[in-house]
Amino acid sequence: MIAVFKTNVSSDSELNEISPLLNSRFKEIKWNIDLWDSDKILRVDSPRDWTKEITELFNSIGLRCINLEIFHSEPF
């Protein structure tokens, strides 16, 4: 599944703050944040839905993260 979030991560320092937390807590996900996008989009590729946990993690360090959409891939 791919989840798309709107965030307020606006600088490299904020990205450097959230990166190790995402990497250590969610080892099986692939993620990226597009700082050039006006909505600072976070894309998460994962076998399960971590929406609640990711949103809570952002909120715990004073950042905003709002789920916009979830795409579920079909099995082959």
C-alpha atoms as a PDB file:
ATOM      1  CA  MET A   1       0.000   0.000   0.000  1.00  0.00           C
ATOM      2  CA  ILE A   2       1.051   3.565  -0.572  1.00  0.00           C
ATOM      3  CA  ALA A   3      -0.099   6.282   1.817  1.00  0.00           C
ATOM      4  CA  VAL A   4       0.132   9.970   0.965  1.00  0.00           C
ATOM      5  CA  PHE A   5       0.313  12.604   3.705  1.00  0.00           C
ATOM      6  CA  LYS A   6       0.404  16.390   3.771  1.00  0.00           C
ATOM      7  CA  THR A   7       3.041  17.606   6.255  1.00  0.00           C
ATOM      8  CA  ASN A   8       4.520  20.862   7.445  1.00  0.00           C
ATOM      9  CA  VAL A   9       8.143  19.688   7.219  1.00  0.00           C
ATOM     10  CA  SER A  10       9.698  22.750   5.631  1.00  0.00           C
ATOM     11  CA  SER A  11      13.433  22.524   6.210  1.00  0.00           C
ATOM     12  CA  ASP A  12      16.351  20.124   6.117  1.00  0.00           C
ATOM     13  CA  SER A  13      16.653  20.390   9.901  1.00  0.00           C
ATOM     14  CA  GLU A  14      13.059  19.218  10.392  1.00  0.00           C
ATOM     15  CA  LEU A  15      13.649  16.457   7.870  1.00  0.00           C
ATOM     16  CA  ASN A  16      16.782  15.451   9.773  1.00  0.00           C
ATOM     17  CA  GLU A  17      14.726  15.353  12.974  1.00  0.00           C
ATOM     18  CA  ILE A  18      11.982  13.075  11.633  1.00  0.00           C
ATOM     19  CA  SER A  19      14.170  10.816   9.444  1.00  0.00           C
ATOM     20  CA  PRO A  20      15.860   8.745  12.173  1.00  0.00           C
ATOM     21  CA  LEU A  21      12.530   8.354  13.983  1.00  0.00           C
ATOM     22  CA  LEU A  22      10.776   7.017  10.885  1.00  0.00           C
ATOM     23  CA  ASN A  23      13.723   4.774  10.022  1.00  0.00           C
ATOM     24  CA  SER A  24      14.057   3.266  13.494  1.00  0.00           C
ATOM     25  CA  ARG A  25      10.366   2.814  14.284  1.00  0.00           C
ATOM     26  CA  PHE A  26       9.168   1.629  10.860  1.00  0.00           C
ATOM     27  CA  LYS A  27      11.971  -0.525   9.483  1.00  0.00           C
ATOM     28  CA  GLU A  28       9.888  -2.167   6.740  1.00  0.00           C
ATOM     29  CA  ILE A  29       8.603   1.016   5.104  1.00  0.00           C
ATOM     30  CA  LYS A  30      10.014   3.035   2.247  1.00  0.00           C
ATOM     31  CA  TRP A  31       9.279   6.731   2.525  1.00  0.00           C
ATOM     32  CA  ASN A  32      10.196  10.147   1.173  1.00  0.00           C
ATOM     33  CA  ILE A  33       9.179  13.754   1.775  1.00  0.00           C
ATOM     34  CA  ASP A  34       9.062  16.176  -1.134  1.00  0.00           C
ATOM     35  CA  LEU A  35      10.230  19.495   0.320  1.00  0.00           C
ATOM     36  CA  TRP A  36       9.699  21.158  -3.074  1.00  0.00           C
ATOM     37  CA  ASP A  37       5.982  20.342  -3.106  1.00  0.00           C
ATOM     38  CA  SER A  38       3.725  23.027  -1.595  1.00  0.00           C
ATOM     39  CA  ASP A  39       2.098  20.372   0.633  1.00  0.00           C
ATOM     40  CA  LYS A  40       5.453  18.845   1.687  1.00  0.00           C
ATOM     41  CA  ILE A  41       4.104  15.439   0.663  1.00  0.00           C
ATOM     42  CA  LEU A  42       5.188  12.347   2.579  1.00  0.00           C
ATOM     43  CA  ARG A  43       4.798   9.116   0.601  1.00  0.00           C
ATOM     44  CA  VAL A  44       4.955   5.833   2.483  1.00  0.00           C
ATOM     45  CA  ASP A  45       5.208   2.429   0.812  1.00  0.00           C
ATOM     46  CA  SER A  46       4.496  -0.376   3.255  1.00  0.00           C
ATOM     47  CA  PRO A  47       2.875  -3.803   3.433  1.00  0.00           C
ATOM     48  CA  ARG A  48       0.526  -2.527   6.179  1.00  0.00           C
ATOM     49  CA  ASP A  49      -1.283   0.650   7.177  1.00  0.00           C
ATOM     50  CA  TRP A  50       0.796   2.752   9.605  1.00  0.00           C
ATOM     51  CA  THR A  51      -1.305   5.919   9.182  1.00  0.00           C
ATOM     52  CA  LYS A  52      -2.214   6.360  12.845  1.00  0.00           C
ATOM     53  CA  GLU A  53       1.291   5.608  14.134  1.00  0.00           C
ATOM     54  CA  ILE A  54       3.001   7.908  11.616  1.00  0.00           C
ATOM     55  CA  THR A  55       0.588  10.765  12.366  1.00  0.00           C
ATOM     56  CA  GLU A  56       1.148  10.319  16.112  1.00  0.00           C
ATOM     57  CA  LEU A  57       4.929  10.293  15.636  1.00  0.00           C
ATOM     58  CA  PHE A  58       4.854  13.595  13.734  1.00  0.00           C
ATOM     59  CA  ASN A  59       2.537  15.148  16.337  1.00  0.00           C
ATOM     60  CA  SER A  60       4.791  13.995  19.189  1.00  0.00           C
ATOM     61  CA  ILE A  61       7.632  16.206  17.917  1.00  0.00           C
ATOM     62  CA  GLY A  62       5.442  19.173  17.004  1.00  0.00           C
ATOM     63  CA  LEU A  63       5.068  18.498  13.280  1.00  0.00           C
ATOM     64  CA  ARG A  64       1.819  18.129  11.350  1.00  0.00           C
ATOM     65  CA  CYS A  65       0.985  15.099   9.223  1.00  0.00           C
ATOM     66  CA  ILE A  66      -2.440  14.627   7.626  1.00  0.00           C
ATOM     67  CA  ASN A  67      -3.360  11.535   5.631  1.00  0.00           C
ATOM     68  CA  LEU A  68      -4.672  12.465   2.189  1.00  0.00           C
ATOM     69  CA  GLU A  69      -5.045   9.121   0.476  1.00  0.00           C
ATOM     70  CA  ILE A  70      -4.187   5.433   0.648  1.00  0.00           C
ATOM     71  CA  PHE A  71      -3.646   3.299  -2.444  1.00  0.00           C
ATOM     72  CA  HIS A  72      -3.918  -0.462  -2.102  1.00  0.00           C
ATOM     73  CA  SER A  73      -2.138  -2.532  -4.710  1.00  0.00           C
ATOM     74  CA  GLU A  74      -3.876  -5.515  -6.207  1.00  0.00           C
ATOM     75  CA  PRO A  75      -2.203  -8.920  -5.934  1.00  0.00           C
ATOM     76  CA  PHE A  76      -0.858 -10.303  -9.204  1.00  0.00           C
END
